[in-house]
PDB file of N, CA and C in Angstrom:
ATOM      1  N   MET A   1       0.825  -1.192   0.000  1.00  0.00           N
ATOM      2  CA  MET A   1       0.000   0.000   0.000  1.00  0.00           C
ATOM      3  C   MET A   1       0.868   1.254   0.000  1.00  0.00           C
ATOM      4  N   LYS A   2       0.353   2.282  -0.614  1.00  0.00           N
ATOM      5  CA  LYS A   2       1.081   3.542  -0.620  1.00  0.00           C
ATOM      6  C   LYS A   2       0.817   4.287   0.668  1.00  0.00           C
ATOM      7  N   ALA A   3       1.858   4.852   1.223  1.00  0.00           N
ATOM      8  CA  ALA A   3       1.721   5.579   2.483  1.00  0.00           C
ATOM      9  C   ALA A   3       1.070   6.941   2.277  1.00  0.00           C
ATOM     10  N   ALA A   4       1.391   7.596   1.168  1.00  0.00           N
ATOM     11  CA  ALA A   4       0.863   8.933   0.904  1.00  0.00           C
ATOM     12  C   ALA A   4      -0.284   8.842  -0.091  1.00  0.00           C
ATOM     13  N   THR A   5      -1.293   9.635   0.122  1.00  0.00           N
ATOM     14  CA  THR A   5      -2.403   9.680  -0.827  1.00  0.00           C
ATOM     15  C   THR A   5      -2.223  10.875  -1.735  1.00  0.00           C
ATOM     16  N   SER A   6      -2.787  10.802  -2.917  1.00  0.00           N
ATOM     17  CA  SER A   6      -2.647  11.910  -3.857  1.00  0.00           C
ATOM     18  C   SER A   6      -3.531  13.069  -3.404  1.00  0.00           C
ATOM     19  N   LEU A   7      -3.204  14.238  -3.899  1.00  0.00           N
ATOM     20  CA  LEU A   7      -3.945  15.450  -3.547  1.00  0.00           C
ATOM     21  C   LEU A   7      -5.400  15.341  -3.969  1.00  0.00           C
ATOM     22  N   ALA A   8      -5.659  14.681  -5.100  1.00  0.00           N
ATOM     23  CA  ALA A   8      -7.030  14.576  -5.601  1.00  0.00           C
ATOM     24  C   ALA A   8      -7.909  13.742  -4.678  1.00  0.00           C
ATOM     25  N   LYS A   9      -7.308  12.822  -3.921  1.00  0.00           N
ATOM     26  CA  LYS A   9      -8.095  11.964  -3.046  1.00  0.00           C
ATOM     27  C   LYS A   9      -8.371  12.594  -1.686  1.00  0.00           C
ATOM     28  N   LEU A  10      -7.643  13.644  -1.350  1.00  0.00           N
ATOM     29  CA  LEU A  10      -7.873  14.298  -0.069  1.00  0.00           C
ATOM     30  C   LEU A  10      -9.193  15.031  -0.098  1.00  0.00           C
ATOM     31  N   LYS A  11      -9.822  15.189   1.034  1.00  0.00           N
ATOM     32  CA  LYS A  11     -11.112  15.866   1.096  1.00  0.00           C
ATOM     33  C   LYS A  11     -11.067  16.996   2.102  1.00  0.00           C
ATOM     34  N   ARG A  12     -11.773  18.063   1.792  1.00  0.00           N
ATOM     35  CA  ARG A  12     -11.997  19.149   2.748  1.00  0.00           C
ATOM     36  C   ARG A  12     -13.475  19.111   3.081  1.00  0.00           C
ATOM     37  N   GLY A  13     -13.785  18.666   4.263  1.00  0.00           N
ATOM     38  CA  GLY A  13     -15.193  18.525   4.616  1.00  0.00           C
ATOM     39  C   GLY A  13     -15.807  17.473   3.711  1.00  0.00           C
ATOM     40  N   ARG A  14     -16.826  17.860   2.977  1.00  0.00           N
ATOM     41  CA  ARG A  14     -17.484  16.926   2.068  1.00  0.00           C
ATOM     42  C   ARG A  14     -17.034  17.088   0.624  1.00  0.00           C
ATOM     43  N   ARG A  15     -16.295  18.144   0.351  1.00  0.00           N
ATOM     44  CA  ARG A  15     -15.870  18.404  -1.027  1.00  0.00           C
ATOM     45  C   ARG A  15     -14.512  17.775  -1.299  1.00  0.00           C
ATOM     46  N   LYS A  16     -14.337  17.288  -2.508  1.00  0.00           N
ATOM     47  CA  LYS A  16     -13.025  16.800  -2.919  1.00  0.00           C
ATOM     48  C   LYS A  16     -12.179  17.982  -3.345  1.00  0.00           C
ATOM     49  N   VAL A  17     -10.889  17.900  -3.112  1.00  0.00           N
ATOM     50  CA  VAL A  17      -9.961  18.929  -3.558  1.00  0.00           C
ATOM     51  C   VAL A  17      -9.768  18.726  -5.057  1.00  0.00           C
ATOM     52  N   PRO A  18     -10.023  19.754  -5.872  1.00  0.00           N
ATOM     53  CA  PRO A  18      -9.896  19.565  -7.323  1.00  0.00           C
ATOM     54  C   PRO A  18      -8.450  19.385  -7.747  1.00  0.00           C
ATOM     55  N   LYS A  19      -8.261  18.664  -8.858  1.00  0.00           N
ATOM     56  CA  LYS A  19      -6.922  18.512  -9.417  1.00  0.00           C
ATOM     57  C   LYS A  19      -6.479  19.837  -9.985  1.00  0.00           C
ATOM     58  N   ARG A  20      -5.201  20.116  -9.873  1.00  0.00           N
ATOM     59  CA  ARG A  20      -4.663  21.348 -10.434  1.00  0.00           C
ATOM     60  C   ARG A  20      -4.485  21.167 -11.933  1.00  0.00           C
ATOM     61  N   LYS A  21      -4.791  22.216 -12.668  1.00  0.00           N
ATOM     62  CA  LYS A  21      -4.646  22.180 -14.118  1.00  0.00           C
ATOM     63  C   LYS A  21      -3.625  23.212 -14.524  1.00  0.00           C
ATOM     64  N   GLY A  22      -2.893  22.939 -15.568  1.00  0.00           N
ATOM     65  CA  GLY A  22      -1.943  23.906 -16.084  1.00  0.00           C
ATOM     66  C   GLY A  22      -0.524  23.616 -15.649  1.00  0.00           C
ATOM     67  N   LYS A  23       0.332  24.538 -16.007  1.00  0.00           N
ATOM     68  CA  LYS A  23       1.762  24.417 -15.719  1.00  0.00           C
ATOM     69  C   LYS A  23       2.111  25.339 -14.553  1.00  0.00           C
ATOM     70  N   PRO A  24       2.793  24.836 -13.527  1.00  0.00           N
ATOM     71  CA  PRO A  24       3.148  25.697 -12.395  1.00  0.00           C
ATOM     72  C   PRO A  24       4.172  26.754 -12.808  1.00  0.00           C
ATOM     73  N   LEU A  25       4.037  27.927 -12.215  1.00  0.00           N
ATOM     74  CA  LEU A  25       4.912  29.046 -12.526  1.00  0.00           C
ATOM     75  C   LEU A  25       5.162  29.829 -11.243  1.00  0.00           C
ATOM     76  N   THR A  26       6.410  30.177 -10.989  1.00  0.00           N
ATOM     77  CA  THR A  26       6.751  30.949  -9.801  1.00  0.00           C
ATOM     78  C   THR A  26       6.916  32.412 -10.181  1.00  0.00           C
ATOM     79  N   VAL A  27       6.261  33.283  -9.423  1.00  0.00           N
ATOM     80  CA  VAL A  27       6.338  34.724  -9.660  1.00  0.00           C
ATOM     81  C   VAL A  27       6.699  35.383  -8.333  1.00  0.00           C
ATOM     82  N   TYR A  28       7.641  36.316  -8.363  1.00  0.00           N
ATOM     83  CA  TYR A  28       8.047  37.026  -7.160  1.00  0.00           C
ATOM     84  C   TYR A  28       7.533  38.460  -7.217  1.00  0.00           C
ATOM     85  N   PHE A  29       6.862  38.899  -6.163  1.00  0.00           N
ATOM     86  CA  PHE A  29       6.348  40.259  -6.055  1.00  0.00           C
ATOM     87  C   PHE A  29       7.084  40.988  -4.943  1.00  0.00           C
ATOM     88  N   ASP A  30       7.177  42.308  -5.049  1.00  0.00           N
ATOM     89  CA  ASP A  30       7.739  43.049  -3.926  1.00  0.00           C
ATOM     90  C   ASP A  30       6.705  43.043  -2.793  1.00  0.00           C
ATOM     91  N   LYS A  31       7.138  43.429  -1.614  1.00  0.00           N
ATOM     92  CA  LYS A  31       6.284  43.312  -0.426  1.00  0.00           C
ATOM     93  C   LYS A  31       4.986  44.097  -0.542  1.00  0.00           C
ATOM     94  N   ALA A  32       5.065  45.303  -1.096  1.00  0.00           N
ATOM     95  CA  ALA A  32       3.867  46.142  -1.196  1.00  0.00           C
ATOM     96  C   ALA A  32       2.833  45.511  -2.123  1.00  0.00           C
ATOM     97  N   LEU A  33       3.273  44.999  -3.258  1.00  0.00           N
ATOM     98  CA  LEU A  33       2.352  44.388  -4.207  1.00  0.00           C
ATOM     99  C   LEU A  33       1.774  43.086  -3.654  1.00  0.00           C
ATOM    100  N   ALA A  34       2.599  42.309  -2.982  1.00  0.00           N
ATOM    101  CA  ALA A  34       2.127  41.068  -2.366  1.00  0.00           C
ATOM    102  C   ALA A  34       1.095  41.361  -1.287  1.00  0.00           C
ATOM    103  N   HIS A  35       1.305  42.427  -0.532  1.00  0.00           N
ATOM    104  CA  HIS A  35       0.355  42.813   0.513  1.00  0.00           C
ATOM    105  C   HIS A  35      -0.978  43.228  -0.101  1.00  0.00           C
ATOM    106  N   ARG A  36      -0.926  44.008  -1.180  1.00  0.00           N
ATOM    107  CA  ARG A  36      -2.154  44.432  -1.851  1.00  0.00           C
ATOM    108  C   ARG A  36      -2.914  43.232  -2.412  1.00  0.00           C
ATOM    109  N   LEU A  37      -2.176  42.300  -3.024  1.00  0.00           N
ATOM    110  CA  LEU A  37      -2.801  41.100  -3.564  1.00  0.00           C
ATOM    111  C   LEU A  37      -3.447  40.279  -2.460  1.00  0.00           C
ATOM    112  N   HIS A  38      -2.767  40.146  -1.342  1.00  0.00           N
ATOM    113  CA  HIS A  38      -3.314  39.411  -0.198  1.00  0.00           C
ATOM    114  C   HIS A  38      -4.588  40.075   0.312  1.00  0.00           C
ATOM    115  N   PHE A  39      -4.578  41.404   0.422  1.00  0.00           N
ATOM    116  CA  PHE A  39      -5.736  42.133   0.925  1.00  0.00           C
ATOM    117  C   PHE A  39      -6.948  41.945   0.008  1.00  0.00           C
ATOM    118  N   VAL A  40      -6.729  42.076  -1.308  1.00  0.00           N
ATOM    119  CA  VAL A  40      -7.832  41.912  -2.263  1.00  0.00           C
ATOM    120  C   VAL A  40      -8.349  40.473  -2.231  1.00  0.00           C
ATOM    121  N   SER A  41      -7.444  39.516  -2.123  1.00  0.00           N
ATOM    122  CA  SER A  41      -7.826  38.117  -2.051  1.00  0.00           C
ATOM    123  C   SER A  41      -8.699  37.846  -0.830  1.00  0.00           C
ATOM    124  N   GLN A  42      -8.313  38.396   0.317  1.00  0.00           N
ATOM    125  CA  GLN A  42      -9.089  38.226   1.540  1.00  0.00           C
ATOM    126  C   GLN A  42     -10.439  38.920   1.440  1.00  0.00           C
ATOM    127  N   GLU A  43     -10.432  40.133   0.902  1.00  0.00           N
ATOM    128  CA  GLU A  43     -11.646  40.939   0.820  1.00  0.00           C
ATOM    129  C   GLU A  43     -12.691  40.296  -0.097  1.00  0.00           C
ATOM    130  N   ARG A  44     -12.238  39.793  -1.230  1.00  0.00           N
ATOM    131  CA  ARG A  44     -13.169  39.217  -2.206  1.00  0.00           C
ATOM    132  C   ARG A  44     -13.355  37.716  -2.043  1.00  0.00           C
ATOM    133  N   ARG A  45     -12.572  37.118  -1.149  1.00  0.00           N
ATOM    134  CA  ARG A  45     -12.634  35.676  -0.892  1.00  0.00           C
ATOM    135  C   ARG A  45     -12.384  34.870  -2.162  1.00  0.00           C
ATOM    136  N   VAL A  46     -11.313  35.254  -2.842  1.00  0.00           N
ATOM    137  CA  VAL A  46     -10.868  34.593  -4.071  1.00  0.00           C
ATOM    138  C   VAL A  46      -9.396  34.254  -3.890  1.00  0.00           C
ATOM    139  N   ALA A  47      -8.996  33.105  -4.364  1.00  0.00           N
ATOM    140  CA  ALA A  47      -7.594  32.692  -4.234  1.00  0.00           C
ATOM    141  C   ALA A  47      -6.686  33.644  -5.005  1.00  0.00           C
ATOM    142  N   LYS A  48      -5.510  33.882  -4.455  1.00  0.00           N
ATOM    143  CA  LYS A  48      -4.538  34.761  -5.115  1.00  0.00           C
ATOM    144  C   LYS A  48      -4.177  34.234  -6.499  1.00  0.00           C
ATOM    145  N   ALA A  49      -4.058  32.929  -6.633  1.00  0.00           N
ATOM    146  CA  ALA A  49      -3.716  32.339  -7.928  1.00  0.00           C
ATOM    147  C   ALA A  49      -4.773  32.671  -8.975  1.00  0.00           C
ATOM    148  N   ASN A  50      -6.029  32.659  -8.585  1.00  0.00           N
ATOM    149  CA  ASN A  50      -7.104  32.990  -9.525  1.00  0.00           C
ATOM    150  C   ASN A  50      -7.043  34.452  -9.937  1.00  0.00           C
ATOM    151  N   LEU A  51      -6.743  35.337  -8.990  1.00  0.00           N
ATOM    152  CA  LEU A  51      -6.630  36.756  -9.317  1.00  0.00           C
ATOM    153  C   LEU A  51      -5.477  37.011 -10.283  1.00  0.00           C
ATOM    154  N   VAL A  52      -4.336  36.391 -10.022  1.00  0.00           N
ATOM    155  CA  VAL A  52      -3.162  36.576 -10.885  1.00  0.00           C
ATOM    156  C   VAL A  52      -3.423  35.983 -12.264  1.00  0.00           C
ATOM    157  N   ARG A  53      -4.037  34.800 -12.309  1.00  0.00           N
ATOM    158  CA  ARG A  53      -4.345  34.158 -13.582  1.00  0.00           C
ATOM    159  C   ARG A  53      -5.265  35.038 -14.424  1.00  0.00           C
ATOM    160  N   PHE A  54      -6.298  35.598 -13.807  1.00  0.00           N
ATOM    161  CA  PHE A  54      -7.229  36.474 -14.514  1.00  0.00           C
ATOM    162  C   PHE A  54      -6.518  37.721 -15.034  1.00  0.00           C
ATOM    163  N   ALA A  55      -5.680  38.320 -14.208  1.00  0.00           N
ATOM    164  CA  ALA A  55      -4.977  39.544 -14.603  1.00  0.00           C
ATOM    165  C   ALA A  55      -4.023  39.283 -15.772  1.00  0.00           C
ATOM    166  N   VAL A  56      -3.295  38.175 -15.738  1.00  0.00           N
ATOM    167  CA  VAL A  56      -2.367  37.852 -16.816  1.00  0.00           C
ATOM    168  C   VAL A  56      -3.130  37.554 -18.101  1.00  0.00           C
ATOM    169  N   GLU A  57      -4.230  36.830 -17.985  1.00  0.00           N
ATOM    170  CA  GLU A  57      -5.040  36.531 -19.169  1.00  0.00           C
ATOM    171  C   GLU A  57      -5.577  37.812 -19.807  1.00  0.00           C
ATOM    172  N   ARG A  58      -6.059  38.718 -18.986  1.00  0.00           N
ATOM    173  CA  ARG A  58      -6.570  39.993 -19.494  1.00  0.00           C
ATOM    174  C   ARG A  58      -5.450  40.812 -20.144  1.00  0.00           C
ATOM    175  N   LEU A  59      -4.283  40.850 -19.526  1.00  0.00           N
ATOM    176  CA  LEU A  59      -3.150  41.577 -20.082  1.00  0.00           C
ATOM    177  C   LEU A  59      -2.754  41.022 -21.446  1.00  0.00           C
ATOM    178  N   LEU A  60      -2.649  39.709 -21.548  1.00  0.00           N
ATOM    179  CA  LEU A  60      -2.266  39.090 -22.817  1.00  0.00           C
ATOM    180  C   LEU A  60      -3.315  39.331 -23.901  1.00  0.00           C
ATOM    181  N   ASN A  61      -4.587  39.278 -23.543  1.00  0.00           N
ATOM    182  CA  ASN A  61      -5.644  39.561 -24.515  1.00  0.00           C
ATOM    183  C   ASN A  61      -5.553  40.999 -25.021  1.00  0.00           C
ATOM    184  N   GLN A  62      -5.305  41.933 -24.126  1.00  0.00           N
ATOM    185  CA  GLN A  62      -5.202  43.332 -24.528  1.00  0.00           C
ATOM    186  C   GLN A  62      -3.959  43.578 -25.380  1.00  0.00           C
ATOM    187  N   LEU A  63      -2.874  42.896 -25.081  1.00  0.00           N
ATOM    188  CA  LEU A  63      -1.655  43.042 -25.881  1.00  0.00           C
ATOM    189  C   LEU A  63      -1.837  42.485 -27.290  1.00  0.00           C
ATOM    190  N   THR A  64      -2.485  41.334 -27.392  1.00  0.00           N
ATOM    191  CA  THR A  64      -2.640  40.706 -28.704  1.00  0.00           C
ATOM    192  C   THR A  64      -3.667  41.426 -29.575  1.00  0.00           C
ATOM    193  N   THR A  65      -4.628  42.109 -28.978  1.00  0.00           N
ATOM    194  CA  THR A  65      -5.630  42.828 -29.767  1.00  0.00           C
ATOM    195  C   THR A  65      -5.219  44.270 -30.032  1.00  0.00           C
ATOM    196  N   GLY A  66      -4.076  44.690 -29.486  1.00  0.00           N
ATOM    197  CA  GLY A  66      -3.598  46.047 -29.726  1.00  0.00           C
ATOM    198  C   GLY A  66      -4.241  47.105 -28.858  1.00  0.00           C
ATOM    199  N   GLN A  67      -4.945  46.704 -27.815  1.00  0.00           N
ATOM    200  CA  GLN A  67      -5.596  47.659 -26.927  1.00  0.00           C
ATOM    201  C   GLN A  67      -4.640  48.238 -25.889  1.00  0.00           C
ATOM    202  N   LEU A  68      -3.502  47.617 -25.706  1.00  0.00           N
ATOM    203  CA  LEU A  68      -2.563  48.047 -24.679  1.00  0.00           C
ATOM    204  C   LEU A  68      -1.154  48.012 -25.255  1.00  0.00           C
ATOM    205  N   GLU A  69      -0.405  49.044 -24.986  1.00  0.00           N
ATOM    206  CA  GLU A  69       0.998  49.074 -25.395  1.00  0.00           C
ATOM    207  C   GLU A  69       1.860  49.161 -24.146  1.00  0.00           C
ATOM    208  N   LEU A  70       2.877  48.331 -24.096  1.00  0.00           N
ATOM    209  CA  LEU A  70       3.813  48.367 -22.979  1.00  0.00           C
ATOM    210  C   LEU A  70       4.939  49.349 -23.285  1.00  0.00           C
ATOM    211  N   PRO A  71       5.576  49.898 -22.261  1.00  0.00           N
ATOM    212  CA  PRO A  71       6.741  50.747 -22.495  1.00  0.00           C
ATOM    213  C   PRO A  71       7.876  49.952 -23.128  1.00  0.00           C
ATOM    214  N   PHE A  72       8.798  50.652 -23.779  1.00  0.00           N
ATOM    215  CA  PHE A  72       9.936  49.984 -24.391  1.00  0.00           C
ATOM    216  C   PHE A  72      10.707  49.192 -23.347  1.00  0.00           C
ATOM    217  N   GLY A  73      11.175  48.032 -23.720  1.00  0.00           N
ATOM    218  CA  GLY A  73      11.952  47.190 -22.820  1.00  0.00           C
ATOM    219  C   GLY A  73      11.132  46.139 -22.116  1.00  0.00           C
ATOM    220  N   LEU A  74       9.816  46.182 -22.266  1.00  0.00           N
ATOM    221  CA  LEU A  74       8.963  45.159 -21.642  1.00  0.00           C
ATOM    222  C   LEU A  74       8.289  44.328 -22.703  1.00  0.00           C
TER     223      LEU A  74
END
């Protein structure tokens, strides 16, 4: 028998923990930005990963459609 169970088999209360989808990525924020992200996450009761994922998706959509221009060097 395996000693460790997979994350998908673990349960929180009555709900199963969903499997993670996608490719993991590490991002480093300065303290002020991390604090703001934490505050918004707590206030809206949304995971920080979901907020960052939404923001990056929106940024990429705006860049590809020409709605947003980044400064030189970015």
